[in-house]
Amino acid sequence: MLATGSSRIAVLVVLLALLSGCAGSSTSSLEAPDDYFARQLPGMSSSYSPLMSPVDNPILRVSSLHNPPPELVREALLAQHERWAGTPYRLGGTGRGGIDCSALVQHVFSETFRLDLPRSTGEQVQQGTPISRDDLQVGDLVFFRPPGRYDHVGIYVGDGYFLHASTSQGVMLSELDNSYWQRYYWQARRTLEPTTLAQRVVIPEG
């Protein structure tokens, strides 16, 4: 009888051990969603709520830029448009009092993407890799050869628009499909892939 009682106690100990093991597994499975998001989005805070989409979370989108959406590049370029909009064109100009197309491109890439481009259009057209117009992505450089002595450059911002310093209206957004720009379109170059540009985006303070 004592042997039988000891056996029962041993069985109970084993059962309790198994039950506590299942409880541990259950706890791990409850934490799995957080672990999954953390694995997919390195650097994410442990307090992150899975109820919020990573794309909709601006803090996460800024702090986790290993694979950000090209939309971040577009937003940065549109912010630069707001900053420079209305600045008049001035050949050789580099500031708010007047700026030319290649200086604007140089400023935008330096301030937004921490990427130093050459000063002139002739040098900028040698940067990166050539791409077809059909393959344009946000952040690509677009070049034109209008009548006159100088070539022209702008930055593609998506949806058929590009940011540039127009000789007639200053810094503005224009449509690639505009008859004038269609006629004098020359080529496009990609300095860096959109995801790489997004990783380099400088977030303005304040």
N, C-alpha and C. Protein backbone atom coordinates (compact mmCIF):
# COMPACT_ATOMS: atom_id res chain seq x y z
N MET A 1 0.83 -1.21 0.00
CA MET A 1 0.00 0.00 0.00
C MET A 1 0.86 1.26 0.00
N LEU A 2 1.96 1.24 0.81
CA LEU A 2 2.84 2.40 0.83
C LEU A 2 3.48 2.61 -0.52
N ALA A 3 3.84 1.47 -1.14
CA ALA A 3 4.46 1.59 -2.47
C ALA A 3 3.49 2.20 -3.44
N THR A 4 2.20 1.73 -3.29
CA THR A 4 1.17 2.26 -4.21
C THR A 4 0.97 3.75 -3.96
N GLY A 5 0.94 4.17 -2.68
CA GLY A 5 0.77 5.59 -2.36
C GLY A 5 1.91 6.41 -2.90
N SER A 6 3.12 5.91 -2.79
CA SER A 6 4.29 6.63 -3.33
C SER A 6 4.18 6.78 -4.82
N SER A 7 3.67 5.71 -5.48
CA SER A 7 3.52 5.77 -6.94
C SER A 7 2.52 6.85 -7.32
N ARG A 8 1.43 6.92 -6.54
CA ARG A 8 0.42 7.94 -6.85
C ARG A 8 0.98 9.35 -6.69
N ILE A 9 1.77 9.52 -5.62
CA ILE A 9 2.39 10.84 -5.40
C ILE A 9 3.31 11.18 -6.57
N ALA A 10 4.07 10.18 -7.02
CA ALA A 10 4.99 10.41 -8.14
C ALA A 10 4.23 10.81 -9.39
N VAL A 11 3.09 10.13 -9.62
CA VAL A 11 2.26 10.44 -10.79
C VAL A 11 1.73 11.86 -10.70
N LEU A 12 1.28 12.25 -9.48
CA LEU A 12 0.76 13.61 -9.29
C LEU A 12 1.83 14.66 -9.56
N VAL A 13 3.06 14.39 -9.10
CA VAL A 13 4.18 15.33 -9.33
C VAL A 13 4.43 15.50 -10.81
N VAL A 14 4.41 14.36 -11.55
CA VAL A 14 4.64 14.41 -13.00
C VAL A 14 3.54 15.20 -13.68
N LEU A 15 2.27 14.97 -13.28
CA LEU A 15 1.13 15.68 -13.87
C LEU A 15 1.23 17.18 -13.64
N LEU A 16 1.62 17.56 -12.39
CA LEU A 16 1.77 18.98 -12.09
C LEU A 16 2.86 19.62 -12.94
N ALA A 17 3.93 18.88 -13.15
CA ALA A 17 5.02 19.39 -13.98
C ALA A 17 4.56 19.60 -15.41
N LEU A 18 3.77 18.62 -15.93
CA LEU A 18 3.25 18.75 -17.30
C LEU A 18 2.31 19.93 -17.42
N LEU A 19 1.44 20.11 -16.40
CA LEU A 19 0.49 21.22 -16.44
C LEU A 19 1.20 22.57 -16.43
N SER A 20 2.24 22.69 -15.60
CA SER A 20 2.97 23.96 -15.55
C SER A 20 3.69 24.21 -16.86
N GLY A 21 4.11 23.13 -17.54
CA GLY A 21 4.74 23.27 -18.85
C GLY A 21 3.77 23.79 -19.87
N CYS A 22 2.52 23.32 -19.87
CA CYS A 22 1.50 23.80 -20.80
C CYS A 22 1.19 25.26 -20.54
N ALA A 23 1.17 25.63 -19.23
CA ALA A 23 0.89 27.03 -18.91
C ALA A 23 1.97 27.92 -19.48
N GLY A 24 3.22 27.45 -19.41
CA GLY A 24 4.31 28.23 -19.99
C GLY A 24 4.15 28.37 -21.49
N SER A 25 3.73 27.30 -22.15
CA SER A 25 3.54 27.36 -23.59
C SER A 25 2.41 28.31 -23.95
N SER A 26 1.35 28.28 -23.11
CA SER A 26 0.21 29.16 -23.37
C SER A 26 0.63 30.61 -23.28
N THR A 27 1.44 30.95 -22.27
CA THR A 27 1.90 32.33 -22.11
C THR A 27 2.73 32.75 -23.31
N SER A 28 3.58 31.85 -23.80
CA SER A 28 4.42 32.16 -24.96
C SER A 28 3.57 32.44 -26.18
N SER A 29 2.49 31.64 -26.35
CA SER A 29 1.66 31.83 -27.53
C SER A 29 0.93 33.16 -27.48
N LEU A 30 0.60 33.61 -26.25
CA LEU A 30 -0.06 34.91 -26.12
C LEU A 30 0.89 36.04 -26.48
N GLU A 31 2.17 35.84 -26.24
CA GLU A 31 3.15 36.88 -26.55
C GLU A 31 3.61 36.82 -28.00
N ALA A 32 3.24 35.77 -28.72
CA ALA A 32 3.72 35.58 -30.08
C ALA A 32 3.44 36.74 -31.02
N PRO A 33 2.21 37.34 -30.99
CA PRO A 33 1.97 38.46 -31.91
C PRO A 33 2.97 39.60 -31.73
N ASP A 34 3.27 39.96 -30.45
CA ASP A 34 4.25 41.01 -30.22
C ASP A 34 5.62 40.60 -30.73
N ASP A 35 5.99 39.36 -30.47
CA ASP A 35 7.28 38.87 -30.93
C ASP A 35 7.34 38.90 -32.46
N TYR A 36 6.22 38.56 -33.10
CA TYR A 36 6.19 38.54 -34.56
C TYR A 36 6.45 39.93 -35.11
N PHE A 37 5.73 40.93 -34.56
CA PHE A 37 5.93 42.29 -35.06
C PHE A 37 7.34 42.78 -34.77
N ALA A 38 7.88 42.41 -33.61
CA ALA A 38 9.23 42.83 -33.28
C ALA A 38 10.24 42.22 -34.24
N ARG A 39 10.00 40.96 -34.63
CA ARG A 39 10.92 40.34 -35.59
C ARG A 39 10.82 41.01 -36.95
N GLN A 40 9.59 41.37 -37.35
CA GLN A 40 9.40 41.99 -38.65
C GLN A 40 9.87 43.44 -38.67
N LEU A 41 9.81 44.09 -37.51
CA LEU A 41 10.14 45.51 -37.44
C LEU A 41 11.16 45.74 -36.32
N PRO A 42 12.44 45.42 -36.57
CA PRO A 42 13.47 45.57 -35.55
C PRO A 42 13.50 47.00 -34.99
N GLY A 43 13.76 47.11 -33.71
CA GLY A 43 13.85 48.41 -33.08
C GLY A 43 12.53 48.91 -32.56
N MET A 44 11.45 48.15 -32.77
CA MET A 44 10.14 48.57 -32.30
C MET A 44 10.06 48.44 -30.79
N SER A 45 9.43 49.40 -30.16
CA SER A 45 9.26 49.38 -28.70
C SER A 45 8.43 48.18 -28.28
N SER A 46 8.76 47.60 -27.12
CA SER A 46 8.00 46.44 -26.62
C SER A 46 6.58 46.83 -26.23
N SER A 47 6.31 48.14 -26.10
CA SER A 47 4.98 48.60 -25.74
C SER A 47 4.09 48.77 -26.96
N TYR A 48 4.61 48.43 -28.15
CA TYR A 48 3.84 48.59 -29.38
C TYR A 48 2.55 47.78 -29.34
N SER A 49 1.45 48.40 -29.74
CA SER A 49 0.15 47.73 -29.77
C SER A 49 -0.11 47.18 -31.16
N PRO A 50 -0.35 45.85 -31.29
CA PRO A 50 -0.60 45.26 -32.60
C PRO A 50 -1.89 45.76 -33.24
N LEU A 51 -2.69 46.54 -32.47
CA LEU A 51 -3.93 47.07 -33.04
C LEU A 51 -3.65 48.20 -34.02
N MET A 52 -2.45 48.80 -33.92
CA MET A 52 -2.10 49.89 -34.82
C MET A 52 -1.22 49.36 -35.94
N SER A 53 -1.59 49.66 -37.17
CA SER A 53 -0.80 49.21 -38.31
C SER A 53 0.57 49.87 -38.28
N PRO A 54 1.65 49.12 -38.61
CA PRO A 54 2.99 49.73 -38.67
C PRO A 54 3.03 50.92 -39.62
N VAL A 55 2.25 50.87 -40.71
CA VAL A 55 2.27 51.96 -41.68
C VAL A 55 1.58 53.19 -41.12
N ASP A 56 0.55 52.98 -40.25
CA ASP A 56 -0.21 54.09 -39.70
C ASP A 56 0.46 54.70 -38.48
N ASN A 57 1.47 54.05 -37.96
CA ASN A 57 2.15 54.52 -36.76
C ASN A 57 3.33 55.41 -37.16
N PRO A 58 3.20 56.74 -37.06
CA PRO A 58 4.27 57.63 -37.53
C PRO A 58 5.56 57.47 -36.76
N ILE A 59 5.47 57.18 -35.46
CA ILE A 59 6.68 57.00 -34.67
C ILE A 59 7.43 55.76 -35.14
N LEU A 60 6.69 54.68 -35.34
CA LEU A 60 7.31 53.44 -35.81
C LEU A 60 7.87 53.62 -37.21
N ARG A 61 7.13 54.36 -38.04
CA ARG A 61 7.56 54.54 -39.43
C ARG A 61 8.89 55.29 -39.48
N VAL A 62 9.09 56.23 -38.56
CA VAL A 62 10.32 57.00 -38.54
C VAL A 62 11.45 56.22 -37.90
N SER A 63 11.14 55.50 -36.81
CA SER A 63 12.20 54.83 -36.06
C SER A 63 12.61 53.50 -36.66
N SER A 64 11.79 52.93 -37.52
CA SER A 64 12.12 51.64 -38.11
C SER A 64 12.15 51.77 -39.62
N LEU A 65 13.33 52.14 -40.13
CA LEU A 65 13.43 52.48 -41.55
C LEU A 65 14.17 51.43 -42.35
N HIS A 66 14.20 50.18 -41.87
CA HIS A 66 14.92 49.17 -42.62
C HIS A 66 14.18 48.82 -43.91
N ASN A 67 12.88 49.00 -43.93
CA ASN A 67 12.12 48.70 -45.13
C ASN A 67 10.91 49.65 -45.20
N PRO A 68 11.18 50.97 -45.29
CA PRO A 68 10.08 51.93 -45.23
C PRO A 68 9.37 52.08 -46.56
N PRO A 69 8.16 52.60 -46.55
CA PRO A 69 7.44 52.80 -47.80
C PRO A 69 8.01 53.98 -48.57
N PRO A 70 7.99 53.92 -49.91
CA PRO A 70 8.44 55.07 -50.71
C PRO A 70 7.63 56.32 -50.41
N GLU A 71 6.46 56.15 -49.81
CA GLU A 71 5.63 57.31 -49.46
C GLU A 71 6.38 58.27 -48.54
N LEU A 72 7.31 57.74 -47.74
CA LEU A 72 8.08 58.59 -46.84
C LEU A 72 8.95 59.55 -47.65
N VAL A 73 9.49 59.06 -48.78
CA VAL A 73 10.30 59.90 -49.66
C VAL A 73 9.43 60.97 -50.28
N ARG A 74 8.25 60.57 -50.72
CA ARG A 74 7.32 61.54 -51.33
C ARG A 74 6.94 62.64 -50.33
N GLU A 75 6.63 62.26 -49.10
CA GLU A 75 6.27 63.25 -48.08
C GLU A 75 7.43 64.22 -47.83
N ALA A 76 8.64 63.69 -47.81
CA ALA A 76 9.81 64.54 -47.58
C ALA A 76 10.00 65.53 -48.73
N LEU A 77 9.78 65.07 -49.95
CA LEU A 77 9.92 65.95 -51.11
C LEU A 77 8.83 67.01 -51.14
N LEU A 78 7.61 66.63 -50.77
CA LEU A 78 6.52 67.61 -50.74
C LEU A 78 6.75 68.64 -49.64
N ALA A 79 7.39 68.22 -48.56
CA ALA A 79 7.74 69.17 -47.49
C ALA A 79 8.76 70.17 -48.01
N GLN A 80 9.69 69.70 -48.84
CA GLN A 80 10.67 70.60 -49.44
C GLN A 80 9.99 71.57 -50.42
N HIS A 81 8.99 71.06 -51.13
CA HIS A 81 8.24 71.95 -52.03
C HIS A 81 7.59 73.08 -51.25
N GLU A 82 6.98 72.76 -50.11
CA GLU A 82 6.36 73.79 -49.29
C GLU A 82 7.39 74.80 -48.80
N ARG A 83 8.58 74.31 -48.50
CA ARG A 83 9.64 75.17 -47.98
C ARG A 83 10.15 76.13 -49.05
N TRP A 84 10.22 75.66 -50.30
CA TRP A 84 10.82 76.45 -51.37
C TRP A 84 9.81 77.08 -52.33
N ALA A 85 8.54 76.69 -52.24
CA ALA A 85 7.53 77.16 -53.20
C ALA A 85 7.53 78.68 -53.32
N GLY A 86 7.52 79.14 -54.57
CA GLY A 86 7.47 80.58 -54.81
C GLY A 86 8.84 81.24 -54.90
N THR A 87 9.90 80.52 -54.51
CA THR A 87 11.24 81.08 -54.65
C THR A 87 11.51 81.32 -56.14
N PRO A 88 11.89 82.52 -56.52
CA PRO A 88 12.08 82.80 -57.95
C PRO A 88 13.29 82.09 -58.53
N TYR A 89 13.23 81.89 -59.83
CA TYR A 89 14.37 81.30 -60.54
C TYR A 89 15.43 82.37 -60.76
N ARG A 90 16.67 82.00 -60.51
CA ARG A 90 17.78 82.89 -60.84
C ARG A 90 18.97 82.03 -61.24
N LEU A 91 19.41 82.18 -62.46
CA LEU A 91 20.55 81.40 -62.95
C LEU A 91 21.77 81.65 -62.08
N GLY A 92 22.33 80.58 -61.54
CA GLY A 92 23.47 80.70 -60.65
C GLY A 92 23.09 80.90 -59.19
N GLY A 93 21.78 81.11 -58.92
CA GLY A 93 21.32 81.34 -57.56
C GLY A 93 21.30 80.07 -56.74
N THR A 94 21.49 80.21 -55.44
CA THR A 94 21.53 79.03 -54.57
C THR A 94 20.72 79.21 -53.29
N GLY A 95 19.95 80.30 -53.19
CA GLY A 95 19.24 80.55 -51.94
C GLY A 95 17.83 81.04 -52.13
N ARG A 96 17.23 81.53 -51.04
CA ARG A 96 15.83 81.95 -51.05
C ARG A 96 15.59 83.15 -51.96
N GLY A 97 16.58 83.94 -52.15
CA GLY A 97 16.40 85.10 -53.01
C GLY A 97 16.30 84.74 -54.48
N GLY A 98 16.68 83.53 -54.82
CA GLY A 98 16.66 83.06 -56.19
C GLY A 98 17.52 81.82 -56.33
N ILE A 99 17.02 80.84 -57.08
CA ILE A 99 17.74 79.56 -57.18
C ILE A 99 17.52 78.97 -58.57
N ASP A 100 18.50 78.27 -59.07
CA ASP A 100 18.30 77.61 -60.36
C ASP A 100 17.99 76.12 -60.14
N CYS A 101 17.68 75.41 -61.22
CA CYS A 101 17.16 74.05 -61.10
C CYS A 101 18.14 73.08 -60.46
N SER A 102 19.40 73.14 -60.87
CA SER A 102 20.36 72.17 -60.33
C SER A 102 20.73 72.48 -58.88
N ALA A 103 20.71 73.76 -58.51
CA ALA A 103 20.98 74.12 -57.12
C ALA A 103 19.85 73.64 -56.22
N LEU A 104 18.60 73.73 -56.71
CA LEU A 104 17.47 73.24 -55.92
C LEU A 104 17.61 71.74 -55.69
N VAL A 105 17.92 71.00 -56.74
CA VAL A 105 18.10 69.55 -56.61
C VAL A 105 19.22 69.25 -55.62
N GLN A 106 20.31 69.97 -55.73
CA GLN A 106 21.43 69.76 -54.82
C GLN A 106 21.02 70.02 -53.37
N HIS A 107 20.31 71.12 -53.13
CA HIS A 107 19.86 71.46 -51.79
C HIS A 107 18.92 70.40 -51.23
N VAL A 108 17.94 70.00 -52.02
CA VAL A 108 16.94 69.04 -51.55
C VAL A 108 17.60 67.71 -51.18
N PHE A 109 18.49 67.22 -52.02
CA PHE A 109 19.13 65.94 -51.72
C PHE A 109 20.06 66.04 -50.52
N SER A 110 20.71 67.17 -50.36
CA SER A 110 21.61 67.34 -49.22
C SER A 110 20.83 67.46 -47.92
N GLU A 111 19.77 68.30 -47.92
CA GLU A 111 19.01 68.56 -46.70
C GLU A 111 18.09 67.40 -46.32
N THR A 112 17.56 66.71 -47.32
CA THR A 112 16.55 65.68 -47.05
C THR A 112 17.14 64.29 -46.95
N PHE A 113 18.10 63.98 -47.83
CA PHE A 113 18.61 62.60 -47.90
C PHE A 113 20.09 62.47 -47.51
N ARG A 114 20.69 63.57 -47.06
CA ARG A 114 22.12 63.55 -46.71
C ARG A 114 22.96 62.96 -47.84
N LEU A 115 22.63 63.38 -49.05
CA LEU A 115 23.33 62.88 -50.23
C LEU A 115 23.84 64.08 -51.01
N ASP A 116 25.16 64.15 -51.18
CA ASP A 116 25.77 65.28 -51.87
C ASP A 116 25.82 65.02 -53.37
N LEU A 117 25.11 65.85 -54.13
CA LEU A 117 25.13 65.77 -55.58
C LEU A 117 25.96 66.91 -56.13
N PRO A 118 26.50 66.76 -57.33
CA PRO A 118 27.26 67.86 -57.94
C PRO A 118 26.37 69.08 -58.15
N ARG A 119 26.97 70.21 -58.40
CA ARG A 119 26.24 71.48 -58.53
C ARG A 119 25.52 71.65 -59.86
N SER A 120 26.12 71.18 -60.94
CA SER A 120 25.57 71.49 -62.27
C SER A 120 24.71 70.35 -62.82
N THR A 121 23.79 70.72 -63.72
CA THR A 121 22.95 69.72 -64.39
C THR A 121 23.81 68.74 -65.19
N GLY A 122 24.85 69.26 -65.82
CA GLY A 122 25.73 68.42 -66.62
C GLY A 122 26.40 67.33 -65.80
N GLU A 123 26.68 67.62 -64.53
CA GLU A 123 27.29 66.62 -63.65
C GLU A 123 26.23 65.72 -63.03
N GLN A 124 25.08 66.30 -62.71
CA GLN A 124 24.01 65.50 -62.10
C GLN A 124 23.49 64.42 -63.04
N VAL A 125 23.51 64.69 -64.33
CA VAL A 125 23.00 63.72 -65.29
C VAL A 125 23.91 62.51 -65.42
N GLN A 126 25.06 62.57 -64.78
CA GLN A 126 25.99 61.43 -64.79
C GLN A 126 25.89 60.61 -63.50
N GLN A 127 25.02 61.03 -62.59
CA GLN A 127 24.89 60.33 -61.31
C GLN A 127 23.94 59.13 -61.43
N GLY A 128 24.17 58.12 -60.60
CA GLY A 128 23.27 56.98 -60.53
C GLY A 128 23.21 56.17 -61.81
N THR A 129 22.05 55.62 -62.07
CA THR A 129 21.86 54.76 -63.25
C THR A 129 20.70 55.28 -64.09
N PRO A 130 20.79 55.15 -65.40
CA PRO A 130 19.69 55.59 -66.27
C PRO A 130 18.48 54.66 -66.15
N ILE A 131 17.29 55.22 -66.20
CA ILE A 131 16.07 54.43 -66.16
C ILE A 131 15.09 54.97 -67.20
N SER A 132 14.16 54.13 -67.60
CA SER A 132 13.17 54.57 -68.58
C SER A 132 12.08 55.39 -67.89
N ARG A 133 11.40 56.18 -68.66
CA ARG A 133 10.33 57.01 -68.11
C ARG A 133 9.23 56.15 -67.48
N ASP A 134 8.97 54.99 -68.07
CA ASP A 134 7.94 54.10 -67.55
C ASP A 134 8.30 53.51 -66.20
N ASP A 135 9.58 53.54 -65.84
CA ASP A 135 10.03 52.94 -64.59
C ASP A 135 10.31 53.99 -63.51
N LEU A 136 9.88 55.22 -63.72
CA LEU A 136 10.13 56.28 -62.75
C LEU A 136 9.58 55.94 -61.38
N GLN A 137 10.38 56.23 -60.35
CA GLN A 137 9.96 56.08 -58.97
C GLN A 137 10.24 57.37 -58.22
N VAL A 138 9.58 57.54 -57.09
CA VAL A 138 9.75 58.74 -56.28
C VAL A 138 11.23 58.95 -55.94
N GLY A 139 11.72 60.17 -56.16
CA GLY A 139 13.11 60.49 -55.85
C GLY A 139 14.03 60.44 -57.05
N ASP A 140 13.55 59.93 -58.19
CA ASP A 140 14.38 59.89 -59.40
C ASP A 140 14.57 61.30 -59.96
N LEU A 141 15.70 61.52 -60.61
CA LEU A 141 15.96 62.79 -61.28
C LEU A 141 15.43 62.73 -62.71
N VAL A 142 14.77 63.79 -63.14
CA VAL A 142 14.26 63.86 -64.51
C VAL A 142 14.94 65.04 -65.21
N PHE A 143 15.36 64.82 -66.44
CA PHE A 143 16.11 65.83 -67.19
C PHE A 143 15.40 66.20 -68.48
N PHE A 144 15.56 67.46 -68.85
CA PHE A 144 14.91 68.00 -70.05
C PHE A 144 15.92 68.81 -70.86
N ARG A 145 15.65 68.90 -72.17
CA ARG A 145 16.48 69.72 -73.04
C ARG A 145 15.59 70.72 -73.78
N PRO A 146 15.20 71.79 -73.07
CA PRO A 146 14.36 72.80 -73.71
C PRO A 146 15.21 73.67 -74.64
N PRO A 147 14.57 74.51 -75.43
CA PRO A 147 15.33 75.41 -76.30
C PRO A 147 16.24 76.31 -75.47
N GLY A 148 17.37 76.62 -76.01
CA GLY A 148 18.31 77.47 -75.29
C GLY A 148 19.58 76.75 -74.95
N ARG A 149 20.36 77.41 -74.14
CA ARG A 149 21.71 76.95 -73.86
C ARG A 149 21.79 75.89 -72.76
N TYR A 150 20.79 75.89 -71.86
CA TYR A 150 20.91 75.08 -70.64
C TYR A 150 19.90 73.93 -70.59
N ASP A 151 20.35 72.80 -70.04
CA ASP A 151 19.45 71.68 -69.77
C ASP A 151 18.73 71.97 -68.45
N HIS A 152 17.71 71.17 -68.17
CA HIS A 152 16.87 71.40 -66.99
C HIS A 152 16.74 70.10 -66.20
N VAL A 153 16.62 70.21 -64.87
CA VAL A 153 16.50 69.02 -64.02
C VAL A 153 15.45 69.24 -62.93
N GLY A 154 14.77 68.16 -62.56
CA GLY A 154 13.80 68.18 -61.47
C GLY A 154 13.82 66.84 -60.75
N ILE A 155 12.98 66.71 -59.73
CA ILE A 155 12.92 65.49 -58.92
C ILE A 155 11.50 64.93 -59.00
N TYR A 156 11.37 63.68 -59.41
CA TYR A 156 10.05 63.06 -59.53
C TYR A 156 9.47 62.81 -58.15
N VAL A 157 8.21 63.24 -57.94
CA VAL A 157 7.56 63.08 -56.63
C VAL A 157 6.40 62.09 -56.68
N GLY A 158 6.19 61.46 -57.84
CA GLY A 158 5.10 60.49 -57.96
C GLY A 158 3.85 61.09 -58.57
N ASP A 159 2.96 60.20 -59.01
CA ASP A 159 1.68 60.60 -59.59
C ASP A 159 1.84 61.52 -60.80
N GLY A 160 2.96 61.40 -61.50
CA GLY A 160 3.15 62.17 -62.72
C GLY A 160 3.67 63.58 -62.51
N TYR A 161 4.08 63.93 -61.29
CA TYR A 161 4.57 65.28 -61.01
C TYR A 161 6.06 65.28 -60.65
N PHE A 162 6.70 66.43 -60.91
CA PHE A 162 8.09 66.58 -60.49
C PHE A 162 8.30 67.97 -59.90
N LEU A 163 9.24 68.04 -58.96
CA LEU A 163 9.60 69.28 -58.27
C LEU A 163 10.78 69.90 -58.99
N HIS A 164 10.69 71.20 -59.28
CA HIS A 164 11.79 71.86 -59.98
C HIS A 164 11.71 73.37 -59.81
N ALA A 165 12.76 74.05 -60.27
CA ALA A 165 12.78 75.50 -60.28
C ALA A 165 12.51 75.95 -61.71
N SER A 166 11.27 76.33 -61.96
CA SER A 166 10.86 76.76 -63.30
C SER A 166 11.44 78.15 -63.60
N THR A 167 11.92 78.33 -64.81
CA THR A 167 12.51 79.64 -65.18
C THR A 167 11.46 80.73 -65.17
N SER A 168 10.20 80.38 -65.39
CA SER A 168 9.15 81.40 -65.46
C SER A 168 8.38 81.59 -64.16
N GLN A 169 8.24 80.52 -63.35
CA GLN A 169 7.41 80.62 -62.16
C GLN A 169 8.12 80.25 -60.86
N GLY A 170 9.40 79.99 -60.93
CA GLY A 170 10.14 79.66 -59.73
C GLY A 170 9.89 78.22 -59.28
N VAL A 171 10.14 77.93 -58.01
CA VAL A 171 10.03 76.56 -57.50
C VAL A 171 8.56 76.15 -57.49
N MET A 172 8.28 75.01 -58.08
CA MET A 172 6.90 74.55 -58.23
C MET A 172 6.86 73.06 -58.56
N LEU A 173 5.65 72.52 -58.60
CA LEU A 173 5.42 71.16 -59.08
C LEU A 173 4.80 71.25 -60.47
N SER A 174 5.30 70.43 -61.40
CA SER A 174 4.76 70.41 -62.76
C SER A 174 4.46 68.98 -63.19
N GLU A 175 3.57 68.84 -64.16
CA GLU A 175 3.21 67.52 -64.67
C GLU A 175 4.14 67.11 -65.80
N LEU A 176 4.62 65.88 -65.71
CA LEU A 176 5.45 65.36 -66.80
C LEU A 176 4.67 65.30 -68.10
N ASP A 177 3.35 65.09 -68.01
CA ASP A 177 2.52 64.96 -69.21
C ASP A 177 2.13 66.31 -69.81
N ASN A 178 2.54 67.40 -69.17
CA ASN A 178 2.33 68.71 -69.76
C ASN A 178 2.99 68.73 -71.14
N SER A 179 2.33 69.30 -72.12
CA SER A 179 2.82 69.23 -73.51
C SER A 179 4.25 69.78 -73.64
N TYR A 180 4.56 70.83 -72.89
CA TYR A 180 5.89 71.42 -72.97
C TYR A 180 6.94 70.44 -72.45
N TRP A 181 6.71 69.90 -71.25
CA TRP A 181 7.71 69.01 -70.66
C TRP A 181 7.77 67.68 -71.40
N GLN A 182 6.67 67.24 -71.96
CA GLN A 182 6.69 66.03 -72.79
C GLN A 182 7.60 66.23 -74.00
N ARG A 183 7.47 67.40 -74.60
CA ARG A 183 8.23 67.67 -75.82
C ARG A 183 9.73 67.69 -75.57
N TYR A 184 10.14 68.19 -74.41
CA TYR A 184 11.58 68.36 -74.17
C TYR A 184 12.15 67.37 -73.15
N TYR A 185 11.37 66.36 -72.80
CA TYR A 185 11.88 65.32 -71.89
C TYR A 185 13.12 64.67 -72.50
N TRP A 186 14.13 64.48 -71.68
CA TRP A 186 15.39 63.94 -72.17
C TRP A 186 15.67 62.55 -71.59
N GLN A 187 15.82 62.46 -70.28
CA GLN A 187 16.13 61.18 -69.64
C GLN A 187 15.88 61.26 -68.14
N ALA A 188 16.03 60.10 -67.47
CA ALA A 188 15.88 60.05 -66.01
C ALA A 188 17.01 59.23 -65.42
N ARG A 189 17.38 59.58 -64.21
CA ARG A 189 18.45 58.86 -63.51
C ARG A 189 18.00 58.54 -62.09
N ARG A 190 18.43 57.39 -61.59
CA ARG A 190 18.12 56.99 -60.21
C ARG A 190 19.41 57.01 -59.40
N THR A 191 19.49 57.93 -58.46
CA THR A 191 20.69 58.00 -57.62
C THR A 191 20.72 56.85 -56.62
N LEU A 192 19.58 56.64 -55.94
CA LEU A 192 19.43 55.54 -54.98
C LEU A 192 18.00 55.02 -55.05
N GLU A 193 17.81 53.76 -54.66
CA GLU A 193 16.47 53.20 -54.63
C GLU A 193 15.62 53.95 -53.60
N PRO A 194 14.29 54.04 -53.82
CA PRO A 194 13.43 54.76 -52.88
C PRO A 194 13.55 54.29 -51.43
N THR A 195 13.68 52.98 -51.22
CA THR A 195 13.79 52.49 -49.84
C THR A 195 15.09 52.97 -49.20
N THR A 196 16.15 53.06 -50.00
CA THR A 196 17.42 53.56 -49.47
C THR A 196 17.33 55.05 -49.18
N LEU A 197 16.69 55.80 -50.08
CA LEU A 197 16.49 57.22 -49.83
C LEU A 197 15.69 57.42 -48.54
N ALA A 198 14.67 56.60 -48.34
CA ALA A 198 13.83 56.73 -47.15
C ALA A 198 14.63 56.49 -45.88
N GLN A 199 15.57 55.58 -45.95
CA GLN A 199 16.41 55.30 -44.78
C GLN A 199 17.28 56.51 -44.43
N ARG A 200 17.50 57.38 -45.42
CA ARG A 200 18.37 58.53 -45.22
C ARG A 200 17.60 59.81 -44.92
N VAL A 201 16.26 59.73 -44.90
CA VAL A 201 15.45 60.93 -44.70
C VAL A 201 15.80 61.60 -43.38
N VAL A 202 16.02 62.90 -43.45
CA VAL A 202 16.27 63.68 -42.24
C VAL A 202 14.94 64.21 -41.75
N ILE A 203 14.57 63.87 -40.52
CA ILE A 203 13.32 64.31 -39.94
C ILE A 203 13.53 65.70 -39.31
N PRO A 204 12.82 66.73 -39.80
CA PRO A 204 12.99 68.08 -39.24
C PRO A 204 12.66 68.10 -37.75
N GLU A 205 13.41 68.84 -36.98
CA GLU A 205 13.16 68.96 -35.55
C GLU A 205 11.97 69.88 -35.30
N GLY A 206 11.21 69.52 -34.26
CA GLY A 206 10.08 70.37 -33.90
C GLY A 206 8.90 70.12 -34.80
